[in-house]
Amino acid sequence: MLRGYAIVACATLVAAHAEVSWPPARTHGVMATAGTCKGPDPSQVPQNGTCLWFSEGCTIGCSACIGEKGCMDGFPCCPANETGMLPTLNQSEYRTVFNVTVPFLPIPSEPTFHNPWRAPGRAPIMSPCGVAGGSSTPDSGSGTGAWHPTGVKQGFDQREMPEVAQGMRAVWEAGSEQEVAWSMRANHGGGYSWRLCPKSENLTEDCFQRNHLKFVGTTSWIQYGATAVPQGVANRTAIPAVRVSKGTYPQGSQWTRNPVPMCSGMYGGAQMNPGCEKPMFPPPIDTPGMEGVAGRGLYGYGQARCTSRLPGKSCSPEEYDFWGRRFNFNIVDKIQVPQDLPAGEYLLSLRWDCEQTPQVWNGCADVTITQ
């Protein structure tokens, strides 16, 4: 049973984005169903829309997110009388949208200028675990805020979701290296970090910011489907990880660039026209046998380009199947559990700061730390 839930009718179309797929997450997303936004067990709630937990209308240097209403490309989505801040992440090697291969042009009218990845960690969020549908108020129907997980009230805070059962949750020894994974259904560029907060404290963003985890080494992995890490590593390919710890918040916190490029062009493949013949930057792996709609290589926007109600986003059954197969991958990293971390119960938070959109996507998993 879900604590404090109001049961609601679900949206008939789901344009979903990202979720924790390992360790076992509160939203029931798993590695096998990566890129589909659906959980494996229909008897559990929610199983449709497992990756619709995020904060909408969030830009750097603002005090709060404002939802989608009134948020325009190239301008800060701040409450009244606030102007946001200048980007801190401008180097082309960290960029995922525009200016990927050319020097930074300091013009505020650039569409991504105020979006979260331009100063990682500096955009406000509504919850470190995300809220259902991105805000407490549905948008006009032109964006993602109109959708929320099946059976979950718009704006419900994932921190209030039932905890992962003790027998299923991850158990990490202090000082150990552990694997974490996430998946996406719509690619918005940017980059991500992992954080912990002890359940003995208030589960606030400030608590998670005090406990950023460091990545191990300079390698990530792309893993298609398969069983839970670390039991199954079939279809796993090592890729170079692009890490960054300068210009991030808290100061020195380590983040990793999203390794999967969108399609080249203004909308990154979010709309059917123009097409998706080329990637925004070189793909991390080849995809032989998956070039029916786009060229070879792991890139694109994802299956969500087919399910939005926006004009020009409808897909044929073949296209829908193509993007489902191509995006059935997980991004796997190793993180370092601090040696001095006290034993106890913790909540693990994924934070994905987007560059294409003024959104921050989150997910949480329950973790037991032992000494």
Foldseek 3Di string as FASTA:
>chain_A
DFPPFDADAFDPFAQFWKEWAPPQFLLQHHLQQFQQCAHDDVVDPFGHNSFQFWAAQWWFQAPHRDHPPPDFFLAHSHPPPDGHDFFFDFDLVQDQAPSVPHHGDRDSNHRLGTFCLSQPPRIDIPALAGFFLNAQDADPQQDSSNGGTHGGHRGHYSVSRDADDPVRFAEAEAFDKDKIKMFTAFDQWHWKWKFKAFPVDPRGPVRRLVGTWAFPDQKKKKAFRDHHPPPDRPRIDIFGWDKDQPSYPPRRHIITTDQAHFADDDQSQLAPPPHRAHTPDAARDWDPPLPPRYHTHQYHTHLSLCRGPHPRSHDDPVVNVSRSRSRSIMIMTMTTRHNPDDWHKMKMKMWGGGRNRNMITMTIHIYTYDD
